[in-house]
């Protein structure tokens, strides 16, 4: 009788807990079941907040920026394994893709006109999103449309490059600054990795822009050719540009990463926290090793604490769509879904 009872209890325990144990074992290193729950809640928030036209719009004091916000939300959805035809949120990716295709202007700029006061941000993030999506489409007509759009977008970016090799907020070659330059470089890298033609001289000039923007402390200044203090968020972003190009052993990348590690902390409070960690997380993930193994659990726990009940993450400057998209990108890095974020 006792043997039969013991056997029954064991069967109950195995049936109840084995799936949970197996699920935990199948998760990437440092990703906990609570992390998966937070990711699911965040993705559901994005799904609920997508507009009928396929766009996401912010509610922060910096403006709505529908193209940039939509592309960032799209990156979060791609990292969940969704495409325009596959995945649990494929309908949202499809609507977003249609929205961005419809946002391409006659010049090749991806913008919604008056809604995007600094359109080169949206252009860069859209090029990044669409080039990661390119090739995943199972519809030849959609893939061709993406190729044409990205080709025109590359041409627009090339025409807008300044004499120093950077870019400014508007599609004009008359100026440049670091944060916009980063978006264009990462987008161009992604396009070239996807098999699209990107002029080598454009990328070479852009990488040189980062070189001449570096200060003696290893940090990157806001603008090349203009003396100014190092900016930690832009410095972390620059590291991603070197790494995306396979330049893991570049001494400049090593100096910039060292500076970033000294200046950027998970529990610090400073302006552009989300922007800084968006790139810093990518840089450490691509570097791998002990620093990533320390950083990600700390970041994970802070993000879990910050998440709202509705699944969003708070940000009073740019807005919850921005913060939620970036949080989801960072939390999903260990799943290794996107080529641009793989070593």
Protein backbone atom coordinates (compact mmCIF):
# COMPACT_ATOMS: atom_id res chain seq x y z
CA UNK A 1 0.00 0.00 0.00
CA UNK A 2 2.81 2.41 0.94
CA UNK A 3 4.74 1.61 -2.23
CA UNK A 4 1.66 2.34 -4.35
CA UNK A 5 1.03 5.61 -2.47
CA UNK A 6 4.65 6.66 -2.80
CA UNK A 7 4.59 5.91 -6.50
CA UNK A 8 1.43 7.97 -6.93
CA UNK A 9 2.96 10.94 -5.09
CA UNK A 10 6.10 10.78 -7.19
CA UNK A 11 4.05 10.69 -10.40
CA UNK A 12 2.07 13.72 -9.26
CA UNK A 13 5.24 15.65 -8.43
CA UNK A 14 6.91 14.75 -11.71
CA UNK A 15 3.81 15.64 -13.73
CA UNK A 16 3.41 18.96 -11.90
CA UNK A 17 6.96 20.23 -11.73
CA UNK A 18 8.82 18.59 -14.60
CA UNK A 19 7.43 21.01 -17.23
CA UNK A 20 8.46 23.96 -15.04
CA UNK A 21 11.98 22.61 -14.55
CA UNK A 22 12.27 21.84 -18.26
CA UNK A 23 11.08 25.35 -19.18
CA UNK A 24 13.67 26.90 -16.86
CA UNK A 25 16.41 24.72 -18.36
CA UNK A 26 15.51 25.79 -21.89
CA UNK A 27 15.84 29.50 -21.10
CA UNK A 28 19.05 31.34 -22.03
CA UNK A 29 21.57 32.05 -19.29
CA UNK A 30 20.36 34.70 -16.81
CA UNK A 31 16.79 34.71 -18.20
CA UNK A 32 14.36 33.72 -15.45
CA UNK A 33 10.66 32.81 -15.66
CA UNK A 34 9.93 36.25 -14.17
CA UNK A 35 11.89 37.79 -17.03
CA UNK A 36 9.77 35.91 -19.57
CA UNK A 37 6.61 37.09 -17.81
CA UNK A 38 7.81 40.71 -17.94
CA UNK A 39 8.64 40.39 -21.64
CA UNK A 40 5.20 38.96 -22.39
CA UNK A 41 3.50 41.78 -20.46
CA UNK A 42 5.57 44.38 -22.27
CA UNK A 43 4.83 42.92 -25.70
CA UNK A 44 1.12 42.83 -24.91
CA UNK A 45 1.30 46.52 -23.97
CA UNK A 46 2.85 47.32 -27.36
CA UNK A 47 0.20 45.27 -29.15
CA UNK A 48 -2.57 47.16 -27.33
CA UNK A 49 -1.03 50.56 -27.97
CA UNK A 50 -0.41 50.19 -31.70
CA UNK A 51 -2.50 52.62 -33.74
CA UNK A 52 -4.92 51.54 -36.44
CA UNK A 53 -2.52 52.86 -39.05
CA UNK A 54 0.19 50.52 -37.74
CA UNK A 55 2.19 53.19 -35.90
CA UNK A 56 3.15 53.84 -32.31
CA UNK A 57 3.12 57.41 -31.02
CA UNK A 58 4.71 58.67 -27.85
CA UNK A 59 3.20 60.88 -25.19
CA UNK A 60 6.41 62.44 -23.86
CA UNK A 61 7.29 66.11 -23.81
CA UNK A 62 9.80 65.71 -26.65
CA UNK A 63 7.07 65.01 -29.20
CA UNK A 64 5.42 61.98 -30.75
CA UNK A 65 7.97 60.84 -33.36
CA UNK A 66 5.78 58.08 -34.85
CA UNK A 67 8.37 56.72 -37.31
CA UNK A 68 11.19 56.40 -34.77
CA UNK A 69 8.92 55.02 -32.04
CA UNK A 70 7.31 52.56 -34.45
CA UNK A 71 10.66 51.24 -35.63
CA UNK A 72 11.88 50.76 -32.05
CA UNK A 73 8.67 48.92 -31.15
CA UNK A 74 9.18 46.82 -34.26
CA UNK A 75 12.66 45.84 -33.09
CA UNK A 76 11.16 44.58 -29.82
CA UNK A 77 8.64 42.48 -31.77
CA UNK A 78 11.29 41.06 -34.11
CA UNK A 79 13.33 39.94 -31.10
CA UNK A 80 10.33 37.88 -29.98
CA UNK A 81 10.61 35.92 -33.24
CA UNK A 82 7.85 37.68 -35.14
CA UNK A 83 7.89 38.53 -38.84
CA UNK A 84 5.13 39.80 -41.14
CA UNK A 85 3.84 36.23 -41.52
CA UNK A 86 5.19 34.19 -38.60
CA UNK A 87 4.92 34.51 -34.83
CA UNK A 88 2.26 35.39 -32.30
CA UNK A 89 2.45 39.10 -33.12
CA UNK A 90 2.87 38.80 -36.89
CA UNK A 91 -0.23 40.96 -37.62
CA UNK A 92 1.31 43.86 -35.70
CA UNK A 93 4.63 43.53 -37.57
CA UNK A 94 2.77 43.41 -40.88
CA UNK A 95 0.78 46.56 -40.11
CA UNK A 96 3.93 48.34 -38.99
CA UNK A 97 5.76 47.36 -42.17
CA UNK A 98 2.91 48.71 -44.30
CA UNK A 99 2.99 51.95 -42.30
CA UNK A 100 6.73 52.43 -42.86
CA UNK A 101 6.45 51.56 -46.56
CA UNK A 102 3.73 54.21 -46.84
CA UNK A 103 5.99 56.69 -44.98
CA UNK A 104 8.70 56.70 -47.63
CA UNK A 105 8.82 60.08 -49.37
CA UNK A 106 9.85 60.84 -52.94
CA UNK A 107 13.40 61.60 -51.76
CA UNK A 108 13.80 58.23 -50.03
CA UNK A 109 13.44 59.72 -46.54
CA UNK A 110 11.24 57.65 -44.22
CA UNK A 111 9.17 60.30 -42.46
CA UNK A 112 5.65 61.50 -41.66
CA UNK A 113 6.39 65.14 -42.33
CA UNK A 114 5.32 67.50 -39.57
CA UNK A 115 4.99 64.70 -37.00
CA UNK A 116 8.73 64.02 -37.21
CA UNK A 117 10.59 67.19 -36.28
CA UNK A 118 13.96 65.42 -36.43
CA UNK A 119 13.31 62.86 -39.16
CA UNK A 120 16.79 61.39 -39.53
CA UNK A 121 16.32 59.53 -36.23
CA UNK A 122 13.22 57.83 -37.58
CA UNK A 123 14.89 57.22 -40.92
CA UNK A 124 17.84 55.46 -39.27
CA UNK A 125 15.79 53.34 -36.89
CA UNK A 126 13.39 52.39 -39.70
CA UNK A 127 16.26 51.34 -41.95
CA UNK A 128 17.61 49.22 -39.10
CA UNK A 129 14.25 47.55 -38.46
CA UNK A 130 13.40 46.96 -42.12
CA UNK A 131 16.83 45.62 -43.03
CA UNK A 132 16.58 43.10 -40.16
CA UNK A 133 13.15 42.12 -41.46
CA UNK A 134 14.36 41.97 -45.07
CA UNK A 135 14.72 38.39 -46.27
CA UNK A 136 12.30 37.04 -43.66
CA UNK A 137 9.29 37.83 -45.83
CA UNK A 138 7.71 34.84 -47.52
CA UNK A 139 6.02 37.08 -50.11
CA UNK A 140 8.29 37.93 -53.08
CA UNK A 141 6.37 41.14 -53.78
CA UNK A 142 6.86 42.36 -50.19
CA UNK A 143 10.55 41.48 -50.26
CA UNK A 144 10.99 43.41 -53.50
CA UNK A 145 9.16 46.41 -52.03
CA UNK A 146 11.47 46.35 -49.00
CA UNK A 147 14.55 46.11 -51.21
CA UNK A 148 13.48 49.11 -53.27
CA UNK A 149 12.65 51.12 -50.16
CA UNK A 150 15.92 50.31 -48.43
CA UNK A 151 17.93 51.06 -51.56
CA UNK A 152 16.35 54.51 -51.80
CA UNK A 153 16.89 55.00 -48.09
CA UNK A 154 20.58 54.18 -48.41
CA UNK A 155 20.88 56.71 -51.23
CA UNK A 156 19.18 59.37 -49.10
CA UNK A 157 21.54 58.68 -46.21
CA UNK A 158 24.57 58.86 -48.51
CA UNK A 159 23.45 62.20 -49.97
CA UNK A 160 22.91 63.63 -46.48
CA UNK A 161 26.38 62.84 -45.13
CA UNK A 162 28.39 65.87 -44.03
CA UNK A 163 31.91 66.66 -45.18
CA UNK A 164 33.20 65.26 -41.88
CA UNK A 165 31.31 62.00 -42.38
CA UNK A 166 28.38 62.45 -39.99
CA UNK A 167 24.69 63.32 -40.07
CA UNK A 168 22.38 65.89 -38.48
CA UNK A 169 18.67 65.87 -37.60
CA UNK A 170 17.49 66.88 -41.08
CA UNK A 171 18.40 65.19 -44.39
CA UNK A 172 21.02 67.77 -45.27
CA UNK A 173 24.79 67.52 -45.60
CA UNK A 174 25.28 70.85 -43.85
CA UNK A 175 25.86 69.55 -40.33
CA UNK A 176 26.43 66.56 -38.09
CA UNK A 177 26.27 65.31 -34.51
CA UNK A 178 26.96 62.02 -32.75
CA UNK A 179 23.58 60.52 -31.87
CA UNK A 180 22.10 60.86 -35.37
CA UNK A 181 25.35 59.60 -36.89
CA UNK A 182 25.10 56.45 -34.76
CA UNK A 183 21.63 55.63 -36.10
CA UNK A 184 22.79 55.98 -39.70
CA UNK A 185 25.93 53.89 -39.21
CA UNK A 186 24.08 51.03 -37.52
CA UNK A 187 21.37 51.14 -40.21
CA UNK A 188 23.94 51.06 -43.01
CA UNK A 189 25.79 48.18 -41.37
CA UNK A 190 22.53 46.26 -41.09
CA UNK A 191 21.63 46.93 -44.73
CA UNK A 192 25.02 45.78 -45.95
CA UNK A 193 24.84 42.65 -43.79
CA UNK A 194 21.45 41.91 -45.38
CA UNK A 195 23.05 41.91 -48.83
CA UNK A 196 22.14 45.41 -49.97
CA UNK A 197 24.66 47.64 -51.71
CA UNK A 198 26.10 50.29 -49.40
CA UNK A 199 28.93 52.52 -50.71
CA UNK A 200 32.12 51.64 -48.83
CA UNK A 201 33.29 55.25 -48.82
CA UNK A 202 30.16 56.31 -46.95
CA UNK A 203 30.76 53.82 -44.13
CA UNK A 204 34.49 54.57 -44.07
CA UNK A 205 33.81 58.29 -43.69
CA UNK A 206 31.25 57.59 -40.95
CA UNK A 207 33.66 55.43 -38.98
CA UNK A 208 36.29 58.12 -39.34
CA UNK A 209 33.75 60.58 -37.90
CA UNK A 210 33.65 58.46 -34.73
CA UNK A 211 37.44 58.39 -34.67
CA UNK A 212 37.81 62.16 -34.83
CA UNK A 213 35.04 62.56 -32.23
CA UNK A 214 37.02 60.67 -29.60
CA UNK A 215 38.55 62.62 -26.73
CA UNK A 216 41.75 61.72 -24.91
CA UNK A 217 39.77 59.95 -22.16
CA UNK A 218 38.31 57.48 -24.67
CA UNK A 219 34.87 59.07 -24.68
CA UNK A 220 33.04 60.40 -27.73
CA UNK A 221 32.12 64.08 -27.95
CA UNK A 222 28.73 65.31 -29.12
CA UNK A 223 30.11 66.66 -32.39
CA UNK A 224 33.32 66.06 -34.32
CA UNK A 225 35.52 69.06 -34.95
CA UNK A 226 34.03 70.95 -32.01
CA UNK A 227 35.71 70.72 -28.60
CA UNK A 228 33.38 69.35 -25.96
CA UNK A 229 33.11 66.87 -23.09
CA UNK A 230 32.74 63.15 -23.67
CA UNK A 231 29.20 61.81 -23.70
CA UNK A 232 28.82 58.34 -22.18
CA UNK A 233 25.60 57.39 -24.03
CA UNK A 234 27.06 58.28 -27.43
CA UNK A 235 30.29 56.51 -26.52
CA UNK A 236 28.44 53.25 -25.79
CA UNK A 237 26.60 53.63 -29.08
CA UNK A 238 29.88 54.10 -30.93
CA UNK A 239 31.14 50.79 -29.52
CA UNK A 240 28.14 49.07 -31.14
CA UNK A 241 29.08 50.60 -34.50
CA UNK A 242 32.60 49.15 -34.32
CA UNK A 243 31.29 45.79 -33.15
CA UNK A 244 28.53 45.66 -35.80
CA UNK A 245 31.31 45.98 -38.37
CA UNK A 246 33.20 43.08 -36.84
CA UNK A 247 35.90 45.36 -35.40
CA UNK A 248 36.01 43.67 -31.99
CA UNK A 249 39.78 44.14 -31.70
CA UNK A 250 39.80 47.80 -32.73
CA UNK A 251 41.76 49.71 -30.03
CA UNK A 252 39.35 52.64 -30.33
CA UNK A 253 36.43 50.34 -29.53
CA UNK A 254 38.31 49.03 -26.50
CA UNK A 255 39.01 52.56 -25.25
CA UNK A 256 35.39 53.61 -25.78
CA UNK A 257 34.05 50.53 -24.01
CA UNK A 258 36.39 51.09 -21.07
CA UNK A 259 35.12 54.67 -20.78
CA UNK A 260 31.50 53.47 -20.99
CA UNK A 261 32.02 50.92 -18.22
CA UNK A 262 33.46 53.63 -15.99
CA UNK A 263 30.60 56.06 -16.58
CA UNK A 264 27.43 53.98 -17.05
CA UNK A 265 25.87 52.11 -14.13
CA UNK A 266 22.61 50.18 -13.97
CA UNK A 267 21.38 51.92 -10.83
CA UNK A 268 22.66 55.38 -11.71
CA UNK A 269 20.26 58.24 -12.41
CA UNK A 270 21.22 60.47 -15.31
CA UNK A 271 19.73 62.00 -18.42
CA UNK A 272 19.23 59.68 -21.40
CA UNK A 273 19.37 56.57 -19.17
CA UNK A 274 17.29 54.53 -21.62
CA UNK A 275 19.35 55.61 -24.62
CA UNK A 276 22.62 54.86 -22.83
CA UNK A 277 21.63 51.37 -21.74
CA UNK A 278 20.02 50.55 -25.09
CA UNK A 279 23.49 50.69 -26.62
CA UNK A 280 25.55 49.74 -23.56
CA UNK A 281 23.60 46.49 -23.22
CA UNK A 282 24.24 45.66 -26.87
CA UNK A 283 27.95 46.43 -26.50
CA UNK A 284 28.39 44.24 -23.42
CA UNK A 285 26.35 41.42 -24.94
CA UNK A 286 28.50 41.45 -28.06
CA UNK A 287 31.65 41.58 -25.94
CA UNK A 288 30.42 38.71 -23.76
CA UNK A 289 32.26 37.43 -20.72
CA UNK A 290 32.29 38.43 -17.08
CA UNK A 291 31.05 42.00 -17.50
CA UNK A 292 27.92 40.85 -19.35
CA UNK A 293 27.31 38.12 -16.76
CA UNK A 294 27.36 40.75 -14.02
CA UNK A 295 25.54 43.48 -15.92
CA UNK A 296 22.52 41.62 -17.30
CA UNK A 297 21.20 40.24 -13.96
CA UNK A 298 21.50 43.72 -12.42
CA UNK A 299 19.75 45.30 -15.38
CA UNK A 300 17.09 42.59 -15.40
CA UNK A 301 16.23 43.14 -11.75
CA UNK A 302 15.98 46.90 -12.13
CA UNK A 303 13.74 46.56 -15.17
CA UNK A 304 11.49 44.10 -13.38
CA UNK A 305 11.12 46.57 -10.51
CA UNK A 306 10.35 49.48 -12.83
CA UNK A 307 7.70 47.79 -14.99
CA UNK A 308 4.15 49.11 -14.59
CA UNK A 309 1.15 46.86 -14.05
CA UNK A 310 -0.04 47.45 -17.61
CA UNK A 311 3.25 46.04 -18.93
CA UNK A 312 4.83 49.37 -19.90
CA UNK A 313 7.97 51.01 -18.56
CA UNK A 314 7.79 54.65 -17.42
CA UNK A 315 9.62 57.58 -18.97
CA UNK A 316 8.54 61.19 -18.59
CA UNK A 317 10.81 62.70 -21.25
CA UNK A 318 10.25 60.66 -24.40
CA UNK A 319 7.41 58.43 -23.26
CA UNK A 320 6.34 54.87 -22.36
CA UNK A 321 6.49 53.46 -25.90
CA UNK A 322 10.13 54.48 -26.10
CA UNK A 323 11.04 53.06 -22.68
CA UNK A 324 9.03 49.86 -23.19
CA UNK A 325 10.56 49.15 -26.59
CA UNK A 326 14.09 49.67 -25.28
CA UNK A 327 13.45 47.59 -22.14
CA UNK A 328 12.16 44.72 -24.28
CA UNK A 329 15.14 44.89 -26.62
CA UNK A 330 17.54 44.71 -23.67
CA UNK A 331 15.71 41.90 -21.87
CA UNK A 332 15.53 39.81 -25.05
CA UNK A 333 19.21 40.09 -26.01
CA UNK A 334 20.06 36.61 -24.59
CA UNK A 335 17.58 35.01 -27.02
CA UNK A 336 19.98 36.00 -29.83
CA UNK A 337 17.30 36.59 -32.50
CA UNK A 338 18.59 39.48 -34.62
CA UNK A 339 21.71 39.31 -36.82
CA UNK A 340 22.77 42.90 -36.00
CA UNK A 341 22.93 41.96 -32.31
CA UNK A 342 24.86 38.73 -32.81
CA UNK A 343 28.64 38.40 -32.59
